[in-house]
Amino acid sequence: MTEVVACTGVSVRRGTRLLLDSVTWNVGSDERWVVMGPNGAGKTTLMQIIATRMFPTTGEVRILGEQLGGFDLAELRPLVGWASSALANDIPPAESVADVVLTGAWAVTGRWRERYESIDDERTSRLLTAWGIDQLANRTFGTLSEGERKRTLIARALMSNPELLILDEPGAGLDLGGREDLVERLRLLAVDPRSPAQVLVTHHVEEIPAGFTHALLLREGRIVAQGPFDSTMTEAHLSECFGLQIRVTRIGDRLAAQRSA
């Protein structure tokens, strides 16, 4: 196993507020991490850092063996697949779904002067089919439903065959059917040994697919708990993370949570 992400003492300060406070966290190449915490816990800030979209105020970050700030971001970004609603805002609404996925090969948004080869077109076609959006290839991104957008962004994030895949709240805004379809697709991705290291951000334990191996719990920018999934996603740790008593139930290979009476 090789180290894909290494954060040491990472803090992010905005004015007098600490968005992240001395976070130390490592991700291995064969690991699948879920990151959870209440609103304002620092999850998105941490994801933006490991996606090379933000620099920490203090601390050291190494991505795929390279120190953040010491390499050309344009060369590294194609190796980091990032699916996020923040990225969706940068995609031209008139861009076709096929081109949204295709441009992930260069980690750019919108066709411009990049050159693509037949192998890129073939991979785009395979990803469109794998994520159930092949029939949407000629539709424009701005006309898609929330579920269709989510699957398009994940297919795009996989386009460059990345070594790290970051999924920032992929289930947000989906109805029950859309969520369950997505969770099953993410399960298949998680258990595939050929898949890259994965980091999934979610607010709900019900959205965590089977196959995830580790968990990181954040609250107010600090780590509450981290480590192997079963020993981290406990009632005690989740209660501390969310600030109320939580009961966790296992249903098959998934979890469900509710407030304790």
Protein backbone atom coordinates (compact mmCIF):
# COMPACT_ATOMS: atom_id res chain seq x y z
CA MET A 1 0.00 0.00 0.00
CA THR A 2 1.28 3.45 -0.91
CA GLU A 3 0.35 6.72 0.75
CA VAL A 4 -2.01 8.83 -1.35
CA VAL A 5 -2.80 11.64 1.12
CA ALA A 6 -0.70 12.75 4.09
CA CYS A 7 -1.88 15.72 6.15
CA THR A 8 0.24 16.73 9.12
CA GLY A 9 -0.89 19.42 11.56
CA VAL A 10 -3.09 21.08 8.92
CA SER A 11 -4.93 24.23 9.98
CA VAL A 12 -6.93 26.75 7.98
CA ARG A 13 -7.66 30.17 9.48
CA ARG A 14 -10.02 32.77 8.09
CA GLY A 15 -9.81 35.90 10.21
CA THR A 16 -10.22 34.80 13.81
CA ARG A 17 -11.97 31.54 12.89
CA LEU A 18 -10.23 28.18 12.55
CA LEU A 19 -11.90 26.13 9.82
CA LEU A 20 -9.46 23.28 10.44
CA ASP A 21 -7.43 22.85 13.60
CA SER A 22 -4.26 20.71 13.51
CA VAL A 23 -5.64 17.88 11.38
CA THR A 24 -3.31 14.92 10.87
CA TRP A 25 -4.71 12.25 8.54
CA ASN A 26 -3.35 9.72 6.06
CA VAL A 27 -5.06 7.84 3.23
CA GLY A 28 -3.60 4.68 1.68
CA SER A 29 -3.99 3.60 -1.92
CA ASP A 30 -6.25 0.64 -1.07
CA GLU A 31 -8.42 2.49 1.47
CA ARG A 32 -11.95 3.87 1.19
CA TRP A 33 -12.65 6.64 3.70
CA VAL A 34 -15.94 8.21 4.73
CA VAL A 35 -15.71 11.71 6.23
CA MET A 36 -18.57 12.88 8.44
CA GLY A 37 -19.42 15.77 10.72
CA PRO A 38 -22.05 18.45 11.28
CA ASN A 39 -22.32 21.61 9.17
CA GLY A 40 -19.25 23.76 9.73
CA ALA A 41 -17.08 20.83 10.81
CA GLY A 42 -14.48 21.55 8.12
CA LYS A 43 -15.26 18.67 5.77
CA THR A 44 -15.45 20.69 2.56
CA THR A 45 -12.39 22.73 3.50
CA LEU A 46 -10.39 19.53 3.98
CA MET A 47 -11.64 18.16 0.66
CA GLN A 48 -10.67 21.35 -1.17
CA ILE A 49 -7.16 21.00 0.25
CA ILE A 50 -6.65 17.38 -0.81
CA ALA A 51 -8.21 18.21 -4.19
CA THR A 52 -5.43 20.86 -4.55
CA ARG A 53 -8.01 23.69 -4.68
CA MET A 54 -6.92 25.33 -1.42
CA PHE A 55 -3.72 25.73 0.59
CA PRO A 56 -3.63 25.35 4.38
CA THR A 57 -2.63 28.25 6.60
CA THR A 58 -0.22 26.00 8.48
CA GLY A 59 0.82 22.37 8.29
CA GLU A 60 2.07 20.08 5.56
CA VAL A 61 0.08 18.26 2.88
CA ARG A 62 1.44 15.62 0.54
CA ILE A 63 -0.70 14.38 -2.34
CA LEU A 64 0.51 11.31 -4.23
CA GLY A 65 3.93 11.82 -2.71
CA GLU A 66 4.24 15.49 -3.70
CA GLN A 67 4.18 18.36 -1.22
CA LEU A 68 1.34 20.80 -1.81
CA GLY A 69 2.87 24.08 -2.97
CA GLY A 70 5.97 22.39 -4.38
CA PHE A 71 4.69 21.14 -7.73
CA ASP A 72 2.76 22.20 -10.83
CA LEU A 73 -0.94 21.81 -9.95
CA ALA A 74 -1.87 21.41 -13.62
CA GLU A 75 0.18 18.20 -13.75
CA LEU A 76 -1.24 16.73 -10.54
CA ARG A 77 -4.94 17.59 -10.83
CA PRO A 78 -5.76 14.97 -13.48
CA LEU A 79 -4.58 12.35 -10.95
CA VAL A 80 -7.14 13.57 -8.40
CA GLY A 81 -10.75 12.94 -9.36
CA TRP A 82 -13.09 15.41 -7.66
CA ALA A 83 -16.90 15.30 -7.79
CA SER A 84 -18.47 18.22 -5.94
CA SER A 85 -21.38 20.63 -6.21
CA ALA A 86 -18.76 23.40 -6.13
CA LEU A 87 -17.30 22.01 -9.36
CA ALA A 88 -20.78 21.75 -10.90
CA ASN A 89 -21.10 25.52 -10.63
CA ASP A 90 -18.05 25.91 -12.89
CA ILE A 91 -19.37 23.72 -15.70
CA PRO A 92 -21.03 25.64 -18.57
CA PRO A 93 -24.76 24.78 -18.56
CA ALA A 94 -24.70 24.39 -22.34
CA GLU A 95 -21.89 21.80 -22.26
CA SER A 96 -23.00 18.36 -23.45
CA VAL A 97 -22.90 15.52 -20.94
CA ALA A 98 -20.38 13.68 -23.11
CA ASP A 99 -18.07 16.70 -23.11
CA VAL A 100 -18.47 17.23 -19.37
CA VAL A 101 -17.10 13.72 -18.87
CA LEU A 102 -14.50 13.97 -21.63
CA THR A 103 -12.92 17.19 -20.31
CA GLY A 104 -12.25 15.42 -17.03
CA ALA A 105 -9.23 13.92 -18.83
CA TRP A 106 -7.56 17.34 -18.56
CA ALA A 107 -9.32 18.42 -15.34
CA VAL A 108 -10.79 21.42 -17.15
CA THR A 109 -14.37 22.63 -17.46
CA GLY A 110 -15.55 23.41 -20.98
CA ARG A 111 -14.08 22.39 -24.31
CA TRP A 112 -11.37 24.75 -25.52
CA ARG A 113 -8.10 23.90 -27.28
CA GLU A 114 -7.35 20.54 -25.68
CA ARG A 115 -6.73 17.61 -27.98
CA TYR A 116 -8.38 14.27 -27.36
CA GLU A 117 -7.62 10.90 -28.88
CA SER A 118 -9.86 7.98 -29.78
CA ILE A 119 -8.92 6.28 -26.51
CA ASP A 120 -10.44 9.28 -24.67
CA ASP A 121 -13.68 8.96 -26.62
CA GLU A 122 -13.79 5.23 -25.87
CA ARG A 123 -13.26 5.78 -22.14
CA THR A 124 -15.94 8.47 -22.12
CA SER A 125 -18.38 6.03 -23.72
CA ARG A 126 -17.57 3.31 -21.18
CA LEU A 127 -18.04 5.68 -18.24
CA LEU A 128 -21.31 7.03 -19.59
CA THR A 129 -22.60 3.46 -19.78
CA ALA A 130 -21.21 2.41 -16.39
CA TRP A 131 -22.94 5.30 -14.63
CA GLY A 132 -26.23 4.95 -16.52
CA ILE A 133 -26.05 8.23 -18.41
CA ASP A 134 -25.20 7.01 -21.91
CA GLN A 135 -28.67 7.99 -23.14
CA LEU A 136 -27.95 11.54 -21.91
CA ALA A 137 -24.70 11.98 -23.86
CA ASN A 138 -26.07 14.74 -26.11
CA ARG A 139 -28.13 16.48 -23.44
CA THR A 140 -26.77 19.71 -21.97
CA PHE A 141 -25.55 19.70 -18.39
CA GLY A 142 -27.93 22.49 -17.41
CA THR A 143 -31.00 20.38 -18.27
CA LEU A 144 -30.10 17.41 -16.04
CA SER A 145 -31.87 16.36 -12.87
CA GLU A 146 -29.90 16.36 -9.61
CA GLY A 147 -29.31 12.61 -9.78
CA GLU A 148 -28.17 12.80 -13.39
CA ARG A 149 -25.76 15.60 -12.51
CA LYS A 150 -24.28 13.59 -9.65
CA ARG A 151 -23.62 10.58 -11.85
CA THR A 152 -22.18 12.79 -14.60
CA LEU A 153 -19.76 14.40 -12.16
CA ILE A 154 -18.60 11.04 -10.83
CA ALA A 155 -18.06 9.71 -14.36
CA ARG A 156 -16.10 12.88 -15.09
CA ALA A 157 -14.00 12.45 -11.95
CA LEU A 158 -13.04 8.94 -13.11
CA MET A 159 -12.20 10.02 -16.67
CA SER A 160 -8.50 10.61 -16.06
CA ASN A 161 -8.09 7.24 -14.32
CA PRO A 162 -7.16 9.04 -11.09
CA GLU A 163 -5.20 7.66 -8.15
CA LEU A 164 -7.47 9.48 -5.68
CA LEU A 165 -11.25 9.95 -6.00
CA ILE A 166 -12.99 12.57 -3.83
CA LEU A 167 -16.79 12.43 -3.61
CA ASP A 168 -18.12 15.48 -1.79
CA GLU A 169 -21.72 14.78 -0.69
CA PRO A 170 -22.74 12.84 -3.82
CA GLY A 171 -26.10 11.91 -2.26
CA ALA A 172 -27.17 15.46 -1.37
CA GLY A 173 -30.49 16.47 -2.89
CA LEU A 174 -31.40 13.00 -4.19
CA ASP A 175 -34.73 11.31 -3.64
CA LEU A 176 -34.86 7.81 -2.14
CA GLY A 177 -34.67 6.01 -5.48
CA GLY A 178 -31.83 8.18 -6.72
CA ARG A 179 -29.92 7.74 -3.47
CA GLU A 180 -30.23 3.96 -3.47
CA ASP A 181 -29.18 3.72 -7.11
CA LEU A 182 -26.13 5.87 -6.39
CA VAL A 183 -25.17 3.97 -3.22
CA GLU A 184 -25.20 0.68 -5.11
CA ARG A 185 -23.03 2.11 -7.89
CA LEU A 186 -20.61 3.47 -5.29
CA ARG A 187 -20.54 0.06 -3.57
CA LEU A 188 -19.46 -1.60 -6.80
CA LEU A 189 -16.76 1.04 -7.21
CA ALA A 190 -15.57 0.63 -3.61
CA VAL A 191 -15.18 -3.15 -3.76
CA ASP A 192 -13.39 -3.10 -7.13
CA PRO A 193 -9.67 -3.65 -6.36
CA ARG A 194 -8.79 -1.72 -9.53
CA SER A 195 -10.49 1.43 -8.22
CA PRO A 196 -8.49 4.35 -6.82
CA ALA A 197 -8.33 5.36 -3.18
CA GLN A 198 -11.66 6.96 -2.29
CA VAL A 199 -12.82 9.66 0.11
CA LEU A 200 -16.58 10.13 0.51
CA VAL A 201 -18.11 13.07 2.38
CA THR A 202 -21.65 12.66 3.67
CA HIS A 203 -23.96 13.89 6.42
CA HIS A 204 -25.91 10.64 6.68
CA VAL A 205 -24.72 7.14 7.61
CA GLU A 206 -27.49 5.74 5.39
CA GLU A 207 -25.57 7.06 2.37
CA ILE A 208 -22.41 5.09 3.14
CA PRO A 209 -21.96 2.18 0.70
CA ALA A 210 -20.69 -1.20 1.81
CA GLY A 211 -17.00 -1.59 1.08
CA PHE A 212 -15.76 1.51 2.87
CA THR A 213 -12.86 0.64 5.13
CA HIS A 214 -12.14 3.73 7.25
CA ALA A 215 -13.86 6.77 8.74
CA LEU A 216 -12.89 10.27 9.82
CA LEU A 217 -15.21 12.24 12.12
CA LEU A 218 -14.81 16.03 12.39
CA ARG A 219 -16.38 18.63 14.65
CA GLU A 220 -15.54 22.35 14.65
CA GLY A 221 -12.44 21.72 12.56
CA ARG A 222 -11.00 19.10 14.89
CA ILE A 223 -10.79 15.33 14.63
CA VAL A 224 -13.18 13.49 16.93
CA ALA A 225 -12.15 10.01 15.80
CA GLN A 226 -10.48 8.29 12.87
CA GLY A 227 -9.47 4.78 11.91
CA PRO A 228 -10.99 1.50 10.72
CA PHE A 229 -14.68 1.83 9.87
CA ASP A 230 -16.25 -0.43 12.51
CA SER A 231 -14.22 0.92 15.42
CA THR A 232 -14.78 4.56 14.40
CA MET A 233 -18.45 4.61 13.40
CA THR A 234 -19.67 3.82 16.88
CA GLU A 235 -22.58 5.32 18.80
CA ALA A 236 -20.16 6.98 21.23
CA HIS A 237 -18.05 8.61 18.53
CA LEU A 238 -21.03 9.70 16.43
CA SER A 239 -22.77 11.12 19.51
CA GLU A 240 -19.67 13.16 20.35
CA CYS A 241 -19.30 14.27 16.73
CA PHE A 242 -22.89 15.50 16.32
CA GLY A 243 -23.47 16.71 19.88
CA LEU A 244 -26.44 14.50 20.77
CA GLN A 245 -27.08 10.90 21.69
CA ILE A 246 -27.26 8.77 18.56
CA ARG A 247 -28.29 5.15 18.16
CA VAL A 248 -26.74 3.24 15.27
CA THR A 249 -28.38 0.20 13.70
CA ARG A 250 -26.84 -2.16 11.19
CA ILE A 251 -29.19 -3.30 8.43
CA GLY A 252 -27.44 -5.88 6.30
CA ASP A 253 -24.17 -4.28 5.23
CA ARG A 254 -25.43 -0.69 5.74
CA LEU A 255 -25.92 1.57 8.75
CA ALA A 256 -28.86 3.63 9.93
CA ALA A 257 -28.88 6.24 12.68
CA GLN A 258 -31.41 8.08 14.78
CA ARG A 259 -31.50 10.10 17.96
CA SER A 260 -31.66 8.01 21.12
CA ALA A 261 -34.75 8.45 23.29
